[in-house]
């Protein structure tokens, strides 16, 4: 597929508008699944793929042709994909900005759990009051706060170990929340309720332990070389989809506030090893599927290690406008 077709976006789609990426979730929707697959094996390309190849790719995950085509059409309407037709065939690719949004989100997910962030010992505290009738506003605000690493210590009082005072004020302004106070503070040593208690550490630890128990057998199978290409594609997508949910429950809480033996690092090691090791076989399966419809597109399929995704994500973040609002897909917010 030539790049010339890239200049013919679908009717009704603003090629420079902000893409409306789907929410990430467990039991991924076909739209989210497709953006995940394109992010893993097509970003940062802006070439177009035959729609038949994308329908077949979703078929590997038991998404039927009708649902797959509906996902393509919805993503095009939301400005995530652009499309064009050549004869009886249609082609899709990333809309401007969509690939960078995915890569910026991938940087957040992949860097999570690496334990490289320092902490100055101070908390960002947000106190606010919302109108009881503002249910949608409340949901959107809570999603944005959690993306910035906040959790509720009391009603209307959220805390984060990150230095994000400016960012959280911007989010309040975007949503029209006027009754708000944000400041940075140290914790008094004799506090009866510590800020870290805003998180359920026991439940979070169990979630990590469950992840390790679920994916350790897959890691062992990978080490034995007993995972084939078909299964590699399914499992690599599944482990990424599971891992990327963790920043929503744990904002990389500072290690000195956590119990001894905290399982986050162990879970991260399994995620990276499995994700990287399954890359070549998963990409081979994607090439096989795409190659049934386009030899040229098949040759352009590629995979990235976790480290490569970090580098691509840093580049995407630098290209985005400073101070830009994280997209719903990056925050894990429904739209």
C-alpha atoms as a PDB file:
ATOM      1  CA  UNK A   1       0.000   0.000   0.000  1.00  0.00           C
ATOM      2  CA  UNK A   2       1.534   3.327  -1.022  1.00  0.00           C
ATOM      3  CA  UNK A   3       1.702   6.339   1.266  1.00  0.00           C
ATOM      4  CA  UNK A   4      -0.249   8.350  -1.306  1.00  0.00           C
ATOM      5  CA  UNK A   5      -3.444   6.810  -0.011  1.00  0.00           C
ATOM      6  CA  UNK A   6      -2.679   8.280   3.401  1.00  0.00           C
ATOM      7  CA  UNK A   7      -3.795  11.652   2.057  1.00  0.00           C
ATOM      8  CA  UNK A   8      -7.358  10.477   1.517  1.00  0.00           C
ATOM      9  CA  UNK A   9      -9.032  10.325   4.950  1.00  0.00           C
ATOM     10  CA  UNK A  10     -12.504   8.958   5.439  1.00  0.00           C
ATOM     11  CA  UNK A  11     -15.334  11.442   4.794  1.00  0.00           C
ATOM     12  CA  UNK A  12     -16.400  13.262   7.917  1.00  0.00           C
ATOM     13  CA  UNK A  13     -13.104  12.715   9.788  1.00  0.00           C
ATOM     14  CA  UNK A  14     -11.011  15.723  10.694  1.00  0.00           C
ATOM     15  CA  UNK A  15      -7.449  14.562   9.923  1.00  0.00           C
ATOM     16  CA  UNK A  16      -5.984  16.966  12.469  1.00  0.00           C
ATOM     17  CA  UNK A  17      -8.580  16.479  15.198  1.00  0.00           C
ATOM     18  CA  UNK A  18      -7.855  14.789  18.508  1.00  0.00           C
ATOM     19  CA  UNK A  19      -8.301  11.012  18.221  1.00  0.00           C
ATOM     20  CA  UNK A  20     -10.904   9.558  20.586  1.00  0.00           C
ATOM     21  CA  UNK A  21      -9.146   6.340  21.588  1.00  0.00           C
ATOM     22  CA  UNK A  22     -11.161   3.589  23.287  1.00  0.00           C
ATOM     23  CA  UNK A  23     -10.855   2.812  26.951  1.00  0.00           C
ATOM     24  CA  UNK A  24      -8.531   0.029  28.038  1.00  0.00           C
ATOM     25  CA  UNK A  25     -10.264  -2.612  30.078  1.00  0.00           C
ATOM     26  CA  UNK A  26     -10.102  -6.237  31.092  1.00  0.00           C
ATOM     27  CA  UNK A  27     -11.916  -8.402  28.554  1.00  0.00           C
ATOM     28  CA  UNK A  28     -10.974  -5.896  25.903  1.00  0.00           C
ATOM     29  CA  UNK A  29     -13.537  -4.585  23.440  1.00  0.00           C
ATOM     30  CA  UNK A  30     -12.830  -5.141  19.767  1.00  0.00           C
ATOM     31  CA  UNK A  31     -11.936  -1.449  19.378  1.00  0.00           C
ATOM     32  CA  UNK A  32      -9.446  -1.524  22.210  1.00  0.00           C
ATOM     33  CA  UNK A  33      -8.055  -4.859  21.015  1.00  0.00           C
ATOM     34  CA  UNK A  34      -7.466  -3.470  17.534  1.00  0.00           C
ATOM     35  CA  UNK A  35      -5.681  -0.356  18.811  1.00  0.00           C
ATOM     36  CA  UNK A  36      -3.523  -2.567  21.039  1.00  0.00           C
ATOM     37  CA  UNK A  37      -2.527  -4.782  18.105  1.00  0.00           C
ATOM     38  CA  UNK A  38      -1.800  -1.823  15.849  1.00  0.00           C
ATOM     39  CA  UNK A  39       0.224  -0.216  18.619  1.00  0.00           C
ATOM     40  CA  UNK A  40       2.239  -3.392  19.162  1.00  0.00           C
ATOM     41  CA  UNK A  41       2.939  -4.296  15.526  1.00  0.00           C
ATOM     42  CA  UNK A  42       2.302  -1.215  13.372  1.00  0.00           C
ATOM     43  CA  UNK A  43       3.291   1.901  15.355  1.00  0.00           C
ATOM     44  CA  UNK A  44       4.827   4.277  14.560  1.00  0.00           C
ATOM     45  CA  UNK A  45       4.008   3.665  10.876  1.00  0.00           C
ATOM     46  CA  UNK A  46       1.450   5.802   9.079  1.00  0.00           C
ATOM     47  CA  UNK A  47       0.983   3.392   6.158  1.00  0.00           C
ATOM     48  CA  UNK A  48      -2.417   1.845   5.506  1.00  0.00           C
ATOM     49  CA  UNK A  49      -3.432  -1.791   5.909  1.00  0.00           C
ATOM     50  CA  UNK A  50      -6.132  -3.697   4.001  1.00  0.00           C
ATOM     51  CA  UNK A  51      -9.317  -3.850   6.059  1.00  0.00           C
ATOM     52  CA  UNK A  52      -9.537  -7.567   5.281  1.00  0.00           C
ATOM     53  CA  UNK A  53      -6.201  -8.093   7.031  1.00  0.00           C
ATOM     54  CA  UNK A  54      -7.389  -6.254  10.143  1.00  0.00           C
ATOM     55  CA  UNK A  55     -10.635  -8.233  10.186  1.00  0.00           C
ATOM     56  CA  UNK A  56      -8.621 -11.463   9.949  1.00  0.00           C
ATOM     57  CA  UNK A  57      -6.286 -10.301  12.724  1.00  0.00           C
ATOM     58  CA  UNK A  58      -9.213  -9.698  15.061  1.00  0.00           C
ATOM     59  CA  UNK A  59     -10.513 -13.110  14.081  1.00  0.00           C
ATOM     60  CA  UNK A  60      -7.545 -14.638  15.928  1.00  0.00           C
ATOM     61  CA  UNK A  61      -9.197 -13.322  19.109  1.00  0.00           C
ATOM     62  CA  UNK A  62     -12.640 -14.715  18.234  1.00  0.00           C
ATOM     63  CA  UNK A  63     -13.972 -11.380  17.008  1.00  0.00           C
ATOM     64  CA  UNK A  64     -16.383 -12.073  14.154  1.00  0.00           C
ATOM     65  CA  UNK A  65     -16.179 -10.252  10.795  1.00  0.00           C
ATOM     66  CA  UNK A  66     -19.257  -8.122  11.486  1.00  0.00           C
ATOM     67  CA  UNK A  67     -17.963  -6.971  14.865  1.00  0.00           C
ATOM     68  CA  UNK A  68     -14.482  -6.390  13.416  1.00  0.00           C
ATOM     69  CA  UNK A  69     -15.800  -4.169  10.615  1.00  0.00           C
ATOM     70  CA  UNK A  70     -17.958  -2.287  13.101  1.00  0.00           C
ATOM     71  CA  UNK A  71     -14.845  -1.669  15.227  1.00  0.00           C
ATOM     72  CA  UNK A  72     -12.985  -0.296  12.199  1.00  0.00           C
ATOM     73  CA  UNK A  73     -15.858   2.027  11.310  1.00  0.00           C
ATOM     74  CA  UNK A  74     -16.214   3.306  14.865  1.00  0.00           C
ATOM     75  CA  UNK A  75     -12.505   3.971  15.219  1.00  0.00           C
ATOM     76  CA  UNK A  76     -12.577   5.890  11.944  1.00  0.00           C
ATOM     77  CA  UNK A  77     -15.545   7.960  13.126  1.00  0.00           C
ATOM     78  CA  UNK A  78     -13.707   8.689  16.378  1.00  0.00           C
ATOM     79  CA  UNK A  79     -10.682   9.957  14.476  1.00  0.00           C
ATOM     80  CA  UNK A  80      -8.393   7.138  15.611  1.00  0.00           C
ATOM     81  CA  UNK A  81      -8.077   5.663  12.123  1.00  0.00           C
ATOM     82  CA  UNK A  82      -8.312   7.082   8.643  1.00  0.00           C
ATOM     83  CA  UNK A  83      -9.595   5.059   5.722  1.00  0.00           C
ATOM     84  CA  UNK A  84      -9.707   5.094   1.960  1.00  0.00           C
ATOM     85  CA  UNK A  85     -10.998   2.886  -0.803  1.00  0.00           C
ATOM     86  CA  UNK A  86      -9.245   1.543  -3.875  1.00  0.00           C
ATOM     87  CA  UNK A  87     -11.714  -0.183  -6.129  1.00  0.00           C
ATOM     88  CA  UNK A  88     -13.697  -2.612  -3.983  1.00  0.00           C
ATOM     89  CA  UNK A  89     -11.065  -2.705  -1.245  1.00  0.00           C
ATOM     90  CA  UNK A  90     -10.781  -0.458   1.797  1.00  0.00           C
ATOM     91  CA  UNK A  91      -7.639   0.410   3.776  1.00  0.00           C
ATOM     92  CA  UNK A  92      -7.074   1.784   7.273  1.00  0.00           C
ATOM     93  CA  UNK A  93      -4.214   3.377   9.175  1.00  0.00           C
ATOM     94  CA  UNK A  94      -3.569   5.635  12.146  1.00  0.00           C
ATOM     95  CA  UNK A  95      -5.022   9.120  12.034  1.00  0.00           C
ATOM     96  CA  UNK A  96      -2.555  11.954  12.740  1.00  0.00           C
ATOM     97  CA  UNK A  97      -1.670  11.953  16.419  1.00  0.00           C
ATOM     98  CA  UNK A  98      -3.223   8.582  17.267  1.00  0.00           C
ATOM     99  CA  UNK A  99       0.006   6.601  17.101  1.00  0.00           C
ATOM    100  CA  UNK A 100       1.781   9.103  19.350  1.00  0.00           C
ATOM    101  CA  UNK A 101      -1.048   8.908  21.873  1.00  0.00           C
ATOM    102  CA  UNK A 102      -0.727   5.137  21.987  1.00  0.00           C
ATOM    103  CA  UNK A 103       3.048   5.289  22.319  1.00  0.00           C
ATOM    104  CA  UNK A 104       2.861   7.903  25.076  1.00  0.00           C
ATOM    105  CA  UNK A 105       0.492   5.630  26.964  1.00  0.00           C
ATOM    106  CA  UNK A 106       2.759   2.640  26.321  1.00  0.00           C
ATOM    107  CA  UNK A 107       5.647   4.538  27.908  1.00  0.00           C
ATOM    108  CA  UNK A 108       3.597   4.941  31.067  1.00  0.00           C
ATOM    109  CA  UNK A 109       2.604   1.276  31.207  1.00  0.00           C
ATOM    110  CA  UNK A 110       5.997  -0.186  30.374  1.00  0.00           C
ATOM    111  CA  UNK A 111       7.978   2.108  32.685  1.00  0.00           C
ATOM    112  CA  UNK A 112       5.592   1.358  35.526  1.00  0.00           C
ATOM    113  CA  UNK A 113       7.134  -0.933  38.112  1.00  0.00           C
ATOM    114  CA  UNK A 114      10.748  -0.317  37.115  1.00  0.00           C
ATOM    115  CA  UNK A 115      11.475   1.335  40.466  1.00  0.00           C
ATOM    116  CA  UNK A 116      13.470   4.185  38.937  1.00  0.00           C
ATOM    117  CA  UNK A 117      11.387   7.072  40.310  1.00  0.00           C
ATOM    118  CA  UNK A 118      12.748   8.889  43.322  1.00  0.00           C
ATOM    119  CA  UNK A 119      10.545  10.479  45.991  1.00  0.00           C
ATOM    120  CA  UNK A 120      11.139  13.689  47.911  1.00  0.00           C
ATOM    121  CA  UNK A 121       8.947  12.624  50.843  1.00  0.00           C
ATOM    122  CA  UNK A 122       6.224  15.179  50.100  1.00  0.00           C
ATOM    123  CA  UNK A 123       2.586  14.642  49.158  1.00  0.00           C
ATOM    124  CA  UNK A 124       0.402  16.554  46.718  1.00  0.00           C
ATOM    125  CA  UNK A 125      -2.988  17.155  48.343  1.00  0.00           C
ATOM    126  CA  UNK A 126      -6.163  18.170  46.496  1.00  0.00           C
ATOM    127  CA  UNK A 127      -9.249  19.327  48.417  1.00  0.00           C
ATOM    128  CA  UNK A 128     -12.375  19.977  46.375  1.00  0.00           C
ATOM    129  CA  UNK A 129     -16.150  20.158  46.473  1.00  0.00           C
ATOM    130  CA  UNK A 130     -18.458  19.003  43.674  1.00  0.00           C
ATOM    131  CA  UNK A 131     -22.117  19.687  43.042  1.00  0.00           C
ATOM    132  CA  UNK A 132     -24.204  16.619  43.899  1.00  0.00           C
ATOM    133  CA  UNK A 133     -25.794  16.756  40.430  1.00  0.00           C
ATOM    134  CA  UNK A 134     -22.418  16.559  38.657  1.00  0.00           C
ATOM    135  CA  UNK A 135     -22.194  12.762  38.352  1.00  0.00           C
ATOM    136  CA  UNK A 136     -20.449  12.759  34.959  1.00  0.00           C
ATOM    137  CA  UNK A 137     -18.090  15.475  36.131  1.00  0.00           C
ATOM    138  CA  UNK A 138     -17.282  13.436  39.238  1.00  0.00           C
ATOM    139  CA  UNK A 139     -16.438  10.334  37.193  1.00  0.00           C
ATOM    140  CA  UNK A 140     -14.217  12.242  34.784  1.00  0.00           C
ATOM    141  CA  UNK A 141     -12.436  14.022  37.627  1.00  0.00           C
ATOM    142  CA  UNK A 142     -11.793  10.826  39.560  1.00  0.00           C
ATOM    143  CA  UNK A 143     -10.356   9.190  36.423  1.00  0.00           C
ATOM    144  CA  UNK A 144      -8.001  12.114  35.884  1.00  0.00           C
ATOM    145  CA  UNK A 145      -6.963  12.152  39.528  1.00  0.00           C
ATOM    146  CA  UNK A 146      -6.130   8.452  39.508  1.00  0.00           C
ATOM    147  CA  UNK A 147      -4.083   8.919  36.334  1.00  0.00           C
ATOM    148  CA  UNK A 148      -2.014  11.496  38.229  1.00  0.00           C
ATOM    149  CA  UNK A 149      -1.456   9.043  41.086  1.00  0.00           C
ATOM    150  CA  UNK A 150      -4.140  10.246  43.498  1.00  0.00           C
ATOM    151  CA  UNK A 151      -6.352   8.228  45.829  1.00  0.00           C
ATOM    152  CA  UNK A 152      -9.059   9.422  48.259  1.00  0.00           C
ATOM    153  CA  UNK A 153      -7.887   9.801  51.851  1.00  0.00           C
ATOM    154  CA  UNK A 154     -11.197  11.389  52.892  1.00  0.00           C
ATOM    155  CA  UNK A 155     -14.277  12.583  50.984  1.00  0.00           C
ATOM    156  CA  UNK A 156     -13.097  15.448  48.831  1.00  0.00           C
ATOM    157  CA  UNK A 157      -9.480  15.005  49.932  1.00  0.00           C
ATOM    158  CA  UNK A 158      -7.192  13.133  47.537  1.00  0.00           C
ATOM    159  CA  UNK A 159      -3.456  12.574  47.939  1.00  0.00           C
ATOM    160  CA  UNK A 160      -0.629  11.644  45.579  1.00  0.00           C
ATOM    161  CA  UNK A 161       3.068  10.982  46.212  1.00  0.00           C
ATOM    162  CA  UNK A 162       3.908  12.665  42.910  1.00  0.00           C
ATOM    163  CA  UNK A 163       4.839  16.300  42.363  1.00  0.00           C
ATOM    164  CA  UNK A 164       1.807  17.045  40.183  1.00  0.00           C
ATOM    165  CA  UNK A 165       0.287  20.199  41.700  1.00  0.00           C
ATOM    166  CA  UNK A 166       0.317  22.141  38.418  1.00  0.00           C
ATOM    167  CA  UNK A 167      -1.063  19.229  36.426  1.00  0.00           C
ATOM    168  CA  UNK A 168      -3.939  18.552  38.806  1.00  0.00           C
ATOM    169  CA  UNK A 169      -4.936  22.220  38.850  1.00  0.00           C
ATOM    170  CA  UNK A 170      -5.129  22.083  35.047  1.00  0.00           C
ATOM    171  CA  UNK A 171      -7.446  19.055  35.252  1.00  0.00           C
ATOM    172  CA  UNK A 172      -9.752  20.839  37.701  1.00  0.00           C
ATOM    173  CA  UNK A 173      -9.861  23.862  35.393  1.00  0.00           C
ATOM    174  CA  UNK A 174     -10.610  21.718  32.356  1.00  0.00           C
ATOM    175  CA  UNK A 175     -13.639  20.242  34.111  1.00  0.00           C
ATOM    176  CA  UNK A 176     -14.838  23.557  35.487  1.00  0.00           C
ATOM    177  CA  UNK A 177     -14.309  22.665  39.141  1.00  0.00           C
ATOM    178  CA  UNK A 178     -13.961  25.953  41.019  1.00  0.00           C
ATOM    179  CA  UNK A 179     -13.982  24.925  44.685  1.00  0.00           C
ATOM    180  CA  UNK A 180     -10.515  23.425  44.917  1.00  0.00           C
ATOM    181  CA  UNK A 181      -7.321  23.830  46.938  1.00  0.00           C
ATOM    182  CA  UNK A 182      -4.059  22.117  45.932  1.00  0.00           C
ATOM    183  CA  UNK A 183      -0.799  22.156  47.874  1.00  0.00           C
ATOM    184  CA  UNK A 184       2.320  20.134  48.671  1.00  0.00           C
ATOM    185  CA  UNK A 185       3.069  19.067  52.218  1.00  0.00           C
ATOM    186  CA  UNK A 186       5.094  16.787  54.454  1.00  0.00           C
ATOM    187  CA  UNK A 187       3.423  14.147  56.595  1.00  0.00           C
ATOM    188  CA  UNK A 188       3.562  14.742  60.331  1.00  0.00           C
ATOM    189  CA  UNK A 189       5.106  11.645  61.977  1.00  0.00           C
ATOM    190  CA  UNK A 190       2.368  11.296  64.620  1.00  0.00           C
ATOM    191  CA  UNK A 191      -0.560  11.367  62.189  1.00  0.00           C
ATOM    192  CA  UNK A 192      -3.287   8.919  63.211  1.00  0.00           C
ATOM    193  CA  UNK A 193      -4.118   8.224  59.576  1.00  0.00           C
ATOM    194  CA  UNK A 194      -1.224   8.189  57.155  1.00  0.00           C
ATOM    195  CA  UNK A 195      -1.607   9.258  53.505  1.00  0.00           C
ATOM    196  CA  UNK A 196      -0.472   5.807  52.330  1.00  0.00           C
ATOM    197  CA  UNK A 197      -3.668   4.402  53.869  1.00  0.00           C
ATOM    198  CA  UNK A 198      -5.562   5.871  50.902  1.00  0.00           C
ATOM    199  CA  UNK A 199      -4.483   2.733  49.060  1.00  0.00           C
ATOM    200  CA  UNK A 200      -5.562  -0.799  49.949  1.00  0.00           C
ATOM    201  CA  UNK A 201      -2.079  -2.288  50.074  1.00  0.00           C
ATOM    202  CA  UNK A 202      -3.259  -5.799  50.949  1.00  0.00           C
ATOM    203  CA  UNK A 203      -5.565  -5.950  47.930  1.00  0.00           C
ATOM    204  CA  UNK A 204      -2.947  -4.420  45.653  1.00  0.00           C
ATOM    205  CA  UNK A 205      -0.337  -6.937  46.796  1.00  0.00           C
ATOM    206  CA  UNK A 206      -2.797  -9.776  46.111  1.00  0.00           C
ATOM    207  CA  UNK A 207      -3.338  -8.447  42.610  1.00  0.00           C
ATOM    208  CA  UNK A 208       0.398  -8.545  41.921  1.00  0.00           C
ATOM    209  CA  UNK A 209       0.688 -12.003  43.471  1.00  0.00           C
ATOM    210  CA  UNK A 210      -2.177 -13.240  41.277  1.00  0.00           C
ATOM    211  CA  UNK A 211      -0.414 -11.810  38.228  1.00  0.00           C
ATOM    212  CA  UNK A 212       2.782 -13.667  39.119  1.00  0.00           C
ATOM    213  CA  UNK A 213       0.884 -16.910  39.724  1.00  0.00           C
ATOM    214  CA  UNK A 214      -0.986 -16.553  36.427  1.00  0.00           C
ATOM    215  CA  UNK A 215       1.963 -15.701  34.199  1.00  0.00           C
ATOM    216  CA  UNK A 216       4.862 -17.589  35.785  1.00  0.00           C
ATOM    217  CA  UNK A 217       3.776 -20.833  34.021  1.00  0.00           C
ATOM    218  CA  UNK A 218       3.718 -18.922  30.719  1.00  0.00           C
ATOM    219  CA  UNK A 219       7.207 -17.566  31.406  1.00  0.00           C
ATOM    220  CA  UNK A 220       8.408 -21.115  32.091  1.00  0.00           C
ATOM    221  CA  UNK A 221       6.803 -22.324  28.850  1.00  0.00           C
ATOM    222  CA  UNK A 222       8.503 -19.498  26.966  1.00  0.00           C
ATOM    223  CA  UNK A 223      11.850 -20.472  28.448  1.00  0.00           C
ATOM    224  CA  UNK A 224      11.293 -24.067  27.324  1.00  0.00           C
ATOM    225  CA  UNK A 225      10.446 -22.887  23.814  1.00  0.00           C
ATOM    226  CA  UNK A 226       7.043 -24.587  23.925  1.00  0.00           C
ATOM    227  CA  UNK A 227       4.898 -21.632  22.808  1.00  0.00           C
ATOM    228  CA  UNK A 228       3.950 -21.535  19.121  1.00  0.00           C
ATOM    229  CA  UNK A 229       3.317 -18.458  16.984  1.00  0.00           C
ATOM    230  CA  UNK A 230      -0.484 -18.549  17.254  1.00  0.00           C
ATOM    231  CA  UNK A 231      -0.407 -18.781  21.037  1.00  0.00           C
ATOM    232  CA  UNK A 232       2.393 -16.222  21.287  1.00  0.00           C
ATOM    233  CA  UNK A 233       0.200 -13.569  19.697  1.00  0.00           C
ATOM    234  CA  UNK A 234      -2.693 -14.307  22.048  1.00  0.00           C
ATOM    235  CA  UNK A 235      -0.560 -14.485  25.192  1.00  0.00           C
ATOM    236  CA  UNK A 236       1.547 -11.418  24.427  1.00  0.00           C
ATOM    237  CA  UNK A 237      -1.587  -9.346  23.922  1.00  0.00           C
ATOM    238  CA  UNK A 238      -3.145 -10.763  27.082  1.00  0.00           C
ATOM    239  CA  UNK A 239      -0.175 -10.020  29.331  1.00  0.00           C
ATOM    240  CA  UNK A 240       0.093  -6.445  28.049  1.00  0.00           C
ATOM    241  CA  UNK A 241      -3.622  -5.898  28.560  1.00  0.00           C
ATOM    242  CA  UNK A 242      -3.343  -7.186  32.130  1.00  0.00           C
ATOM    243  CA  UNK A 243      -0.187  -5.247  32.995  1.00  0.00           C
ATOM    244  CA  UNK A 244      -1.465  -1.927  31.748  1.00  0.00           C
ATOM    245  CA  UNK A 245      -4.264  -1.974  34.331  1.00  0.00           C
ATOM    246  CA  UNK A 246      -1.825  -1.738  37.270  1.00  0.00           C
ATOM    247  CA  UNK A 247      -1.128   2.034  37.190  1.00  0.00           C
ATOM    248  CA  UNK A 248      -4.820   2.500  37.941  1.00  0.00           C
ATOM    249  CA  UNK A 249      -4.454   0.818  41.342  1.00  0.00           C
ATOM    250  CA  UNK A 250      -0.850   1.690  42.213  1.00  0.00           C
ATOM    251  CA  UNK A 251       0.825   4.959  41.147  1.00  0.00           C
ATOM    252  CA  UNK A 252       4.273   3.395  41.615  1.00  0.00           C
ATOM    253  CA  UNK A 253       4.007   4.050  45.342  1.00  0.00           C
ATOM    254  CA  UNK A 254       7.383   4.886  46.950  1.00  0.00           C
ATOM    255  CA  UNK A 255       9.225   1.748  48.039  1.00  0.00           C
ATOM    256  CA  UNK A 256       9.997   3.071  51.530  1.00  0.00           C
ATOM    257  CA  UNK A 257       6.255   3.276  52.264  1.00  0.00           C
ATOM    258  CA  UNK A 258       5.562  -0.333  51.264  1.00  0.00           C
ATOM    259  CA  UNK A 259       5.800  -3.575  53.224  1.00  0.00           C
ATOM    260  CA  UNK A 260       8.905  -5.724  52.865  1.00  0.00           C
ATOM    261  CA  UNK A 261       8.755  -8.144  49.941  1.00  0.00           C
ATOM    262  CA  UNK A 262       6.371  -5.959  47.915  1.00  0.00           C
ATOM    263  CA  UNK A 263       5.688  -8.027  44.732  1.00  0.00           C
ATOM    264  CA  UNK A 264       5.577  -5.229  42.146  1.00  0.00           C
ATOM    265  CA  UNK A 265       9.176  -5.651  40.948  1.00  0.00           C
ATOM    266  CA  UNK A 266       8.775  -9.433  40.610  1.00  0.00           C
ATOM    267  CA  UNK A 267       5.598  -8.945  38.560  1.00  0.00           C
ATOM    268  CA  UNK A 268       7.342  -6.391  36.333  1.00  0.00           C
ATOM    269  CA  UNK A 269      10.216  -8.766  35.649  1.00  0.00           C
ATOM    270  CA  UNK A 270       7.814 -11.489  34.499  1.00  0.00           C
ATOM    271  CA  UNK A 271       5.889  -9.027  32.332  1.00  0.00           C
ATOM    272  CA  UNK A 272       9.009  -7.752  30.539  1.00  0.00           C
ATOM    273  CA  UNK A 273      10.529 -11.213  30.040  1.00  0.00           C
ATOM    274  CA  UNK A 274       7.344 -12.689  28.574  1.00  0.00           C
ATOM    275  CA  UNK A 275       6.468  -9.623  26.491  1.00  0.00           C
ATOM    276  CA  UNK A 276       9.949  -9.425  24.955  1.00  0.00           C
ATOM    277  CA  UNK A 277      10.437 -13.154  24.433  1.00  0.00           C
ATOM    278  CA  UNK A 278       7.089 -13.625  22.653  1.00  0.00           C
ATOM    279  CA  UNK A 279       7.668 -10.656  20.320  1.00  0.00           C
ATOM    280  CA  UNK A 280       9.310 -12.472  17.373  1.00  0.00           C
ATOM    281  CA  UNK A 281       6.781 -15.314  17.286  1.00  0.00           C
ATOM    282  CA  UNK A 282       3.800 -12.997  17.751  1.00  0.00           C
ATOM    283  CA  UNK A 283       5.035 -10.752  14.935  1.00  0.00           C
ATOM    284  CA  UNK A 284       5.514 -13.821  12.735  1.00  0.00           C
ATOM    285  CA  UNK A 285       1.860 -14.725  13.269  1.00  0.00           C
ATOM    286  CA  UNK A 286       0.758 -11.177  12.448  1.00  0.00           C
ATOM    287  CA  UNK A 287       2.844 -11.286   9.246  1.00  0.00           C
ATOM    288  CA  UNK A 288       1.233 -14.583   8.288  1.00  0.00           C
ATOM    289  CA  UNK A 289      -2.250 -13.150   8.709  1.00  0.00           C
ATOM    290  CA  UNK A 290      -1.533  -9.828   6.984  1.00  0.00           C
ATOM    291  CA  UNK A 291       0.400 -11.593   4.210  1.00  0.00           C
ATOM    292  CA  UNK A 292      -2.762 -13.321   3.013  1.00  0.00           C
ATOM    293  CA  UNK A 293      -3.980  -9.900   1.932  1.00  0.00           C
ATOM    294  CA  UNK A 294      -0.835  -7.851   1.221  1.00  0.00           C
ATOM    295  CA  UNK A 295       2.776  -8.966   0.870  1.00  0.00           C
ATOM    296  CA  UNK A 296       3.957  -5.356   1.140  1.00  0.00           C
ATOM    297  CA  UNK A 297       2.096  -4.723   4.393  1.00  0.00           C
ATOM    298  CA  UNK A 298       3.243  -8.047   5.812  1.00  0.00           C
ATOM    299  CA  UNK A 299       6.880  -7.046   5.267  1.00  0.00           C
ATOM    300  CA  UNK A 300       6.304  -3.853   7.304  1.00  0.00           C
ATOM    301  CA  UNK A 301       4.985  -5.610  10.427  1.00  0.00           C
ATOM    302  CA  UNK A 302       7.449  -5.240  13.301  1.00  0.00           C
ATOM    303  CA  UNK A 303       7.595  -5.788  17.037  1.00  0.00           C
ATOM    304  CA  UNK A 304       9.249  -3.834  19.837  1.00  0.00           C
ATOM    305  CA  UNK A 305      10.894  -4.833  23.080  1.00  0.00           C
ATOM    306  CA  UNK A 306       9.862  -3.087  26.280  1.00  0.00           C
ATOM    307  CA  UNK A 307      12.998  -0.927  26.092  1.00  0.00           C
ATOM    308  CA  UNK A 308      12.230   0.028  22.504  1.00  0.00           C
ATOM    309  CA  UNK A 309       8.680   0.982  23.489  1.00  0.00           C
ATOM    310  CA  UNK A 310      10.111   3.232  26.193  1.00  0.00           C
ATOM    311  CA  UNK A 311      12.290   5.001  23.632  1.00  0.00           C
ATOM    312  CA  UNK A 312       9.413   5.357  21.161  1.00  0.00           C
ATOM    313  CA  UNK A 313       7.176   6.603  23.949  1.00  0.00           C
ATOM    314  CA  UNK A 314       9.679   9.241  25.025  1.00  0.00           C
ATOM    315  CA  UNK A 315       9.807  10.504  21.470  1.00  0.00           C
ATOM    316  CA  UNK A 316       6.022  10.614  21.266  1.00  0.00           C
ATOM    317  CA  UNK A 317       5.794  12.522  24.548  1.00  0.00           C
ATOM    318  CA  UNK A 318       8.332  15.072  23.312  1.00  0.00           C
ATOM    319  CA  UNK A 319       6.368  15.575  20.087  1.00  0.00           C
ATOM    320  CA  UNK A 320       3.132  16.235  21.917  1.00  0.00           C
ATOM    321  CA  UNK A 321       2.274  19.760  22.986  1.00  0.00           C
ATOM    322  CA  UNK A 322       3.631  20.576  26.462  1.00  0.00           C
ATOM    323  CA  UNK A 323       0.870  20.502  29.044  1.00  0.00           C
ATOM    324  CA  UNK A 324      -1.486  18.576  26.771  1.00  0.00           C
ATOM    325  CA  UNK A 325      -4.209  16.614  28.528  1.00  0.00           C
ATOM    326  CA  UNK A 326      -3.683  12.854  28.674  1.00  0.00           C
ATOM    327  CA  UNK A 327      -6.187  11.100  26.452  1.00  0.00           C
ATOM    328  CA  UNK A 328      -8.906   8.810  27.785  1.00  0.00           C
ATOM    329  CA  UNK A 329      -7.052   5.780  26.488  1.00  0.00           C
ATOM    330  CA  UNK A 330      -3.905   6.814  28.330  1.00  0.00           C
ATOM    331  CA  UNK A 331      -5.828   7.401  31.555  1.00  0.00           C
ATOM    332  CA  UNK A 332      -7.947   4.270  31.261  1.00  0.00           C
ATOM    333  CA  UNK A 333     -11.074   6.423  31.237  1.00  0.00           C
ATOM    334  CA  UNK A 334     -14.271   5.367  29.486  1.00  0.00           C
ATOM    335  CA  UNK A 335     -15.621   7.546  26.762  1.00  0.00           C
END
